[in-house]
C-alpha cells in the first residue's frame, strides 16, 4: 500500500519483525531482572489468594514477546529468589522441581510467539480461546509434575502426591482455573500492549 509515494508497512509483519529482533545483552539482563522482580512481588502480594498468581502469565508473556532466553531465565530466576525466601518454607528438591517445571510457560510462550498465524489473529476471540486452553494445559502439566515429585519425596508415593493436589483443598483446580482465566482474558491484552509498544 502506498500513500504519497511512501510505502506503508503491514503492522502485523512489523510486529513480527520487532518481536523477533535480537535484544542487546544488557537489555536482556535488565528485562529479565525486571520481569523476575515483578513475578516475586506479585507472588508475595497475592499470597492470601490461595494459589492464584501472575507469575505463570508473566513468564509466558516473556517467552512469547521477547524470546526463549528471557522466558526461561525469568522462570528460573524468579523461583530461585521466591523459593529461597518463601514464607512457607524451603525444600531444595521441591525448589529445583518448581524452577524447571516453571520453564514450560516460557518455552510454550516462545513456541507460540514464533507462530505467524497467531500474530495474525492477535485481536480475535480465537486467540483468547487458544491462550486459555494453553494456560489450562500448561498449569495441569505443572501441577501434575510438582505434586508427583512432592508425593514421591515426602510420602514415598507419587499417587499420594497427586491426590493432595486437590485434597483436602482443591488447590490444583484453583491454580488451573485461575490461569485459564488469566491466559484467556488478561494475557492477550498485555501481549497486544507489548506489541504496540515495540512498534513505537
C-alpha atoms as a PDB file:
ATOM      1  CA  UNK A   1       0.000   0.000   0.000  1.00  0.00           C
ATOM      2  CA  UNK A   2       1.332   3.463  -0.935  1.00  0.00           C
ATOM      3  CA  UNK A   3       0.408   6.927   0.302  1.00  0.00           C
ATOM      4  CA  UNK A   4       2.019   9.988  -1.179  1.00  0.00           C
ATOM      5  CA  UNK A   5       4.756   7.879  -2.737  1.00  0.00           C
ATOM      6  CA  UNK A   6       5.618   6.256   0.625  1.00  0.00           C
ATOM      7  CA  UNK A   7       5.044   2.587   1.205  1.00  0.00           C
ATOM      8  CA  UNK A   8       3.033   1.719   4.319  1.00  0.00           C
ATOM      9  CA  UNK A   9       4.184  -1.473   6.005  1.00  0.00           C
ATOM     10  CA  UNK A  10       1.836  -4.166   7.260  1.00  0.00           C
ATOM     11  CA  UNK A  11       1.619  -3.583  11.053  1.00  0.00           C
ATOM     12  CA  UNK A  12       1.337  -7.316  11.777  1.00  0.00           C
ATOM     13  CA  UNK A  13       4.531  -8.020   9.807  1.00  0.00           C
ATOM     14  CA  UNK A  14       6.314  -5.173  11.588  1.00  0.00           C
ATOM     15  CA  UNK A  15       5.204  -6.578  14.948  1.00  0.00           C
ATOM     16  CA  UNK A  16       6.614  -9.976  13.984  1.00  0.00           C
ATOM     17  CA  UNK A  17       9.937  -8.467  12.942  1.00  0.00           C
ATOM     18  CA  UNK A  18      10.245  -6.289  16.034  1.00  0.00           C
ATOM     19  CA  UNK A  19       9.364  -9.088  18.449  1.00  0.00           C
ATOM     20  CA  UNK A  20      11.982 -11.345  16.893  1.00  0.00           C
ATOM     21  CA  UNK A  21      14.659  -8.670  16.696  1.00  0.00           C
ATOM     22  CA  UNK A  22      17.601  -9.644  18.928  1.00  0.00           C
ATOM     23  CA  UNK A  23      17.961  -7.650  22.128  1.00  0.00           C
ATOM     24  CA  UNK A  24      21.330  -6.470  23.332  1.00  0.00           C
ATOM     25  CA  UNK A  25      22.849  -8.394  26.198  1.00  0.00           C
ATOM     26  CA  UNK A  26      22.443  -5.529  28.677  1.00  0.00           C
ATOM     27  CA  UNK A  27      18.798  -5.083  27.708  1.00  0.00           C
ATOM     28  CA  UNK A  28      18.138  -8.797  28.116  1.00  0.00           C
ATOM     29  CA  UNK A  29      19.648  -8.729  31.613  1.00  0.00           C
ATOM     30  CA  UNK A  30      17.605  -5.652  32.529  1.00  0.00           C
ATOM     31  CA  UNK A  31      14.438  -7.220  31.107  1.00  0.00           C
ATOM     32  CA  UNK A  32      14.944 -10.488  32.990  1.00  0.00           C
ATOM     33  CA  UNK A  33      15.672  -8.592  36.217  1.00  0.00           C
ATOM     34  CA  UNK A  34      12.501  -6.508  35.907  1.00  0.00           C
ATOM     35  CA  UNK A  35      10.293  -9.455  34.993  1.00  0.00           C
ATOM     36  CA  UNK A  36      11.735 -11.611  37.792  1.00  0.00           C
ATOM     37  CA  UNK A  37      11.162  -8.815  40.306  1.00  0.00           C
ATOM     38  CA  UNK A  38       7.589  -8.448  39.051  1.00  0.00           C
ATOM     39  CA  UNK A  39       6.996 -12.201  39.463  1.00  0.00           C
ATOM     40  CA  UNK A  40       8.340 -12.221  43.014  1.00  0.00           C
ATOM     41  CA  UNK A  41       6.499  -9.052  44.037  1.00  0.00           C
ATOM     42  CA  UNK A  42       3.137 -10.260  42.696  1.00  0.00           C
ATOM     43  CA  UNK A  43       3.631 -13.673  44.328  1.00  0.00           C
ATOM     44  CA  UNK A  44       4.089 -12.053  47.733  1.00  0.00           C
ATOM     45  CA  UNK A  45       1.202  -9.647  47.143  1.00  0.00           C
ATOM     46  CA  UNK A  46      -1.148 -12.471  46.144  1.00  0.00           C
ATOM     47  CA  UNK A  47      -0.236 -14.946  48.897  1.00  0.00           C
ATOM     48  CA  UNK A  48      -3.699 -14.690  50.531  1.00  0.00           C
ATOM     49  CA  UNK A  49      -5.394 -15.670  47.251  1.00  0.00           C
ATOM     50  CA  UNK A  50      -4.933 -19.461  47.546  1.00  0.00           C
ATOM     51  CA  UNK A  51      -2.780 -20.495  44.587  1.00  0.00           C
ATOM     52  CA  UNK A  52      -3.755 -17.624  42.310  1.00  0.00           C
ATOM     53  CA  UNK A  53      -0.659 -15.950  40.891  1.00  0.00           C
ATOM     54  CA  UNK A  54       0.510 -13.854  37.957  1.00  0.00           C
ATOM     55  CA  UNK A  55       3.967 -15.447  37.702  1.00  0.00           C
ATOM     56  CA  UNK A  56       2.962 -18.080  35.143  1.00  0.00           C
ATOM     57  CA  UNK A  57       1.339 -15.489  32.874  1.00  0.00           C
ATOM     58  CA  UNK A  58       4.300 -13.097  33.150  1.00  0.00           C
ATOM     59  CA  UNK A  59       6.758 -15.835  32.183  1.00  0.00           C
ATOM     60  CA  UNK A  60       4.571 -16.926  29.265  1.00  0.00           C
ATOM     61  CA  UNK A  61       4.378 -13.330  28.016  1.00  0.00           C
ATOM     62  CA  UNK A  62       8.164 -13.009  28.355  1.00  0.00           C
ATOM     63  CA  UNK A  63       8.681 -16.064  26.156  1.00  0.00           C
ATOM     64  CA  UNK A  64       6.013 -15.028  23.634  1.00  0.00           C
ATOM     65  CA  UNK A  65       7.090 -11.410  23.275  1.00  0.00           C
ATOM     66  CA  UNK A  66      10.842 -11.466  23.893  1.00  0.00           C
ATOM     67  CA  UNK A  67      12.086 -14.988  23.186  1.00  0.00           C
ATOM     68  CA  UNK A  68      13.237 -18.196  24.789  1.00  0.00           C
ATOM     69  CA  UNK A  69      16.103 -16.741  26.845  1.00  0.00           C
ATOM     70  CA  UNK A  70      14.028 -14.098  28.709  1.00  0.00           C
ATOM     71  CA  UNK A  71      11.158 -16.583  29.132  1.00  0.00           C
ATOM     72  CA  UNK A  72      13.166 -19.465  30.561  1.00  0.00           C
ATOM     73  CA  UNK A  73      15.651 -17.376  32.538  1.00  0.00           C
ATOM     74  CA  UNK A  74      12.882 -15.337  34.151  1.00  0.00           C
ATOM     75  CA  UNK A  75      11.235 -18.578  35.311  1.00  0.00           C
ATOM     76  CA  UNK A  76      14.456 -19.871  36.857  1.00  0.00           C
ATOM     77  CA  UNK A  77      15.448 -16.556  38.443  1.00  0.00           C
ATOM     78  CA  UNK A  78      12.024 -15.741  39.872  1.00  0.00           C
ATOM     79  CA  UNK A  79      11.657 -19.145  41.506  1.00  0.00           C
ATOM     80  CA  UNK A  80      15.232 -19.120  42.792  1.00  0.00           C
ATOM     81  CA  UNK A  81      14.512 -15.864  44.639  1.00  0.00           C
ATOM     82  CA  UNK A  82      10.942 -16.570  45.705  1.00  0.00           C
ATOM     83  CA  UNK A  83      11.618 -20.202  46.571  1.00  0.00           C
ATOM     84  CA  UNK A  84      14.643 -19.327  48.705  1.00  0.00           C
ATOM     85  CA  UNK A  85      12.763 -16.596  50.561  1.00  0.00           C
ATOM     86  CA  UNK A  86       9.444 -18.433  50.555  1.00  0.00           C
ATOM     87  CA  UNK A  87       7.418 -17.667  53.701  1.00  0.00           C
ATOM     88  CA  UNK A  88       6.008 -21.205  53.510  1.00  0.00           C
ATOM     89  CA  UNK A  89       9.460 -22.737  53.906  1.00  0.00           C
ATOM     90  CA  UNK A  90      12.303 -24.041  51.738  1.00  0.00           C
ATOM     91  CA  UNK A  91      12.851 -27.538  50.375  1.00  0.00           C
ATOM     92  CA  UNK A  92      15.747 -27.791  47.919  1.00  0.00           C
ATOM     93  CA  UNK A  93      14.387 -30.761  45.896  1.00  0.00           C
ATOM     94  CA  UNK A  94      10.993 -29.074  45.587  1.00  0.00           C
ATOM     95  CA  UNK A  95      12.640 -25.771  44.665  1.00  0.00           C
ATOM     96  CA  UNK A  96      14.607 -27.413  41.852  1.00  0.00           C
ATOM     97  CA  UNK A  97      11.434 -29.137  40.645  1.00  0.00           C
ATOM     98  CA  UNK A  98       9.299 -25.996  40.523  1.00  0.00           C
ATOM     99  CA  UNK A  99      12.116 -23.951  38.974  1.00  0.00           C
ATOM    100  CA  UNK A 100      12.473 -26.238  35.988  1.00  0.00           C
ATOM    101  CA  UNK A 101       8.750 -27.022  35.759  1.00  0.00           C
ATOM    102  CA  UNK A 102       8.017 -23.286  35.534  1.00  0.00           C
ATOM    103  CA  UNK A 103      10.144 -23.025  32.396  1.00  0.00           C
ATOM    104  CA  UNK A 104       7.389 -24.756  30.404  1.00  0.00           C
ATOM    105  CA  UNK A 105       5.484 -21.453  30.409  1.00  0.00           C
ATOM    106  CA  UNK A 106       8.421 -19.585  28.881  1.00  0.00           C
ATOM    107  CA  UNK A 107       9.114 -22.368  26.378  1.00  0.00           C
ATOM    108  CA  UNK A 108       5.500 -22.590  25.215  1.00  0.00           C
ATOM    109  CA  UNK A 109       5.257 -18.811  25.040  1.00  0.00           C
ATOM    110  CA  UNK A 110       8.326 -18.757  22.799  1.00  0.00           C
ATOM    111  CA  UNK A 111       6.977 -21.518  20.561  1.00  0.00           C
ATOM    112  CA  UNK A 112       3.599 -19.812  20.133  1.00  0.00           C
ATOM    113  CA  UNK A 113       5.287 -16.450  19.590  1.00  0.00           C
ATOM    114  CA  UNK A 114       7.022 -17.920  16.540  1.00  0.00           C
ATOM    115  CA  UNK A 115       3.686 -18.959  15.037  1.00  0.00           C
ATOM    116  CA  UNK A 116       2.867 -16.355  12.380  1.00  0.00           C
ATOM    117  CA  UNK A 117      -0.759 -17.426  12.205  1.00  0.00           C
ATOM    118  CA  UNK A 118      -1.245 -16.479  15.857  1.00  0.00           C
ATOM    119  CA  UNK A 119       0.159 -13.000  15.248  1.00  0.00           C
ATOM    120  CA  UNK A 120      -2.447 -12.555  12.506  1.00  0.00           C
ATOM    121  CA  UNK A 121      -5.364 -13.413  14.827  1.00  0.00           C
ATOM    122  CA  UNK A 122      -3.926 -11.422  17.728  1.00  0.00           C
ATOM    123  CA  UNK A 123      -7.091  -9.366  18.163  1.00  0.00           C
ATOM    124  CA  UNK A 124      -9.647 -12.182  17.842  1.00  0.00           C
ATOM    125  CA  UNK A 125     -11.748 -14.368  20.130  1.00  0.00           C
ATOM    126  CA  UNK A 126      -9.958 -17.407  18.689  1.00  0.00           C
ATOM    127  CA  UNK A 127      -6.691 -16.064  20.075  1.00  0.00           C
ATOM    128  CA  UNK A 128      -8.207 -15.835  23.566  1.00  0.00           C
ATOM    129  CA  UNK A 129      -9.601 -19.373  23.355  1.00  0.00           C
ATOM    130  CA  UNK A 130      -6.239 -20.782  22.243  1.00  0.00           C
ATOM    131  CA  UNK A 131      -4.432 -18.978  25.037  1.00  0.00           C
ATOM    132  CA  UNK A 132      -6.971 -20.001  27.669  1.00  0.00           C
ATOM    133  CA  UNK A 133      -6.650 -23.659  26.670  1.00  0.00           C
ATOM    134  CA  UNK A 134      -2.858 -23.349  26.588  1.00  0.00           C
ATOM    135  CA  UNK A 135      -2.769 -21.870  30.075  1.00  0.00           C
ATOM    136  CA  UNK A 136      -5.046 -24.610  31.402  1.00  0.00           C
ATOM    137  CA  UNK A 137      -2.970 -27.453  29.912  1.00  0.00           C
ATOM    138  CA  UNK A 138       0.360 -25.959  30.960  1.00  0.00           C
ATOM    139  CA  UNK A 139      -0.878 -25.490  34.510  1.00  0.00           C
ATOM    140  CA  UNK A 140      -2.239 -29.014  34.657  1.00  0.00           C
ATOM    141  CA  UNK A 141       1.136 -30.353  33.499  1.00  0.00           C
ATOM    142  CA  UNK A 142       2.963 -28.164  36.034  1.00  0.00           C
ATOM    143  CA  UNK A 143       0.704 -29.298  38.890  1.00  0.00           C
ATOM    144  CA  UNK A 144       0.998 -32.973  37.968  1.00  0.00           C
ATOM    145  CA  UNK A 145       4.797 -32.832  37.824  1.00  0.00           C
ATOM    146  CA  UNK A 146       5.310 -30.857  41.020  1.00  0.00           C
ATOM    147  CA  UNK A 147       2.748 -32.806  43.049  1.00  0.00           C
ATOM    148  CA  UNK A 148       4.101 -36.136  41.828  1.00  0.00           C
ATOM    149  CA  UNK A 149       7.600 -35.165  42.951  1.00  0.00           C
ATOM    150  CA  UNK A 150       6.228 -33.860  46.264  1.00  0.00           C
ATOM    151  CA  UNK A 151       4.439 -37.149  46.916  1.00  0.00           C
ATOM    152  CA  UNK A 152       7.473 -39.225  45.996  1.00  0.00           C
ATOM    153  CA  UNK A 153       9.811 -37.196  48.230  1.00  0.00           C
ATOM    154  CA  UNK A 154       7.621 -36.832  51.314  1.00  0.00           C
ATOM    155  CA  UNK A 155       5.253 -39.805  51.198  1.00  0.00           C
ATOM    156  CA  UNK A 156       7.150 -42.283  49.064  1.00  0.00           C
ATOM    157  CA  UNK A 157       4.167 -42.381  46.717  1.00  0.00           C
ATOM    158  CA  UNK A 158       3.525 -40.461  43.506  1.00  0.00           C
ATOM    159  CA  UNK A 159      -0.184 -41.287  43.757  1.00  0.00           C
ATOM    160  CA  UNK A 160      -0.427 -39.724  47.220  1.00  0.00           C
ATOM    161  CA  UNK A 161       1.199 -36.584  45.900  1.00  0.00           C
ATOM    162  CA  UNK A 162      -1.310 -36.385  43.055  1.00  0.00           C
ATOM    163  CA  UNK A 163      -4.209 -36.866  45.458  1.00  0.00           C
ATOM    164  CA  UNK A 164      -3.001 -33.992  47.652  1.00  0.00           C
ATOM    165  CA  UNK A 165      -3.248 -31.726  44.596  1.00  0.00           C
ATOM    166  CA  UNK A 166      -6.985 -31.329  45.249  1.00  0.00           C
ATOM    167  CA  UNK A 167      -7.470 -32.822  48.695  1.00  0.00           C
ATOM    168  CA  UNK A 168      -8.271 -31.653  51.332  1.00  0.00           C
ATOM    169  CA  UNK A 169      -8.424 -28.341  49.401  1.00  0.00           C
ATOM    170  CA  UNK A 170      -8.781 -28.009  45.606  1.00  0.00           C
ATOM    171  CA  UNK A 171      -5.507 -26.116  45.206  1.00  0.00           C
ATOM    172  CA  UNK A 172      -4.825 -27.646  41.802  1.00  0.00           C
ATOM    173  CA  UNK A 173      -8.249 -26.719  40.439  1.00  0.00           C
ATOM    174  CA  UNK A 174      -7.890 -23.173  41.732  1.00  0.00           C
ATOM    175  CA  UNK A 175      -4.495 -22.843  40.053  1.00  0.00           C
ATOM    176  CA  UNK A 176      -5.718 -24.274  36.754  1.00  0.00           C
ATOM    177  CA  UNK A 177      -8.992 -22.326  36.541  1.00  0.00           C
ATOM    178  CA  UNK A 178      -7.390 -19.036  37.565  1.00  0.00           C
ATOM    179  CA  UNK A 179      -4.686 -19.493  34.936  1.00  0.00           C
ATOM    180  CA  UNK A 180      -7.291 -20.362  32.316  1.00  0.00           C
ATOM    181  CA  UNK A 181      -8.996 -17.049  33.065  1.00  0.00           C
ATOM    182  CA  UNK A 182      -5.754 -15.054  33.109  1.00  0.00           C
ATOM    183  CA  UNK A 183      -4.453 -16.610  29.885  1.00  0.00           C
ATOM    184  CA  UNK A 184      -7.772 -16.176  28.075  1.00  0.00           C
ATOM    185  CA  UNK A 185      -8.571 -12.582  29.062  1.00  0.00           C
ATOM    186  CA  UNK A 186      -5.511 -10.844  30.544  1.00  0.00           C
ATOM    187  CA  UNK A 187      -2.520 -12.283  28.691  1.00  0.00           C
ATOM    188  CA  UNK A 188      -3.823 -11.351  25.189  1.00  0.00           C
ATOM    189  CA  UNK A 189      -4.357  -7.743  26.283  1.00  0.00           C
ATOM    190  CA  UNK A 190      -0.838  -7.478  27.686  1.00  0.00           C
ATOM    191  CA  UNK A 191       0.691  -9.057  24.570  1.00  0.00           C
ATOM    192  CA  UNK A 192      -1.205  -6.574  22.409  1.00  0.00           C
ATOM    193  CA  UNK A 193       0.092  -3.706  24.570  1.00  0.00           C
ATOM    194  CA  UNK A 194       3.652  -5.024  24.306  1.00  0.00           C
ATOM    195  CA  UNK A 195       3.357  -5.311  20.532  1.00  0.00           C
ATOM    196  CA  UNK A 196       2.099  -1.729  20.263  1.00  0.00           C
ATOM    197  CA  UNK A 197       4.973  -0.537  22.458  1.00  0.00           C
ATOM    198  CA  UNK A 198       7.522  -2.362  20.280  1.00  0.00           C
ATOM    199  CA  UNK A 199       6.095  -0.607  17.222  1.00  0.00           C
ATOM    200  CA  UNK A 200       6.754   2.841  18.688  1.00  0.00           C
END
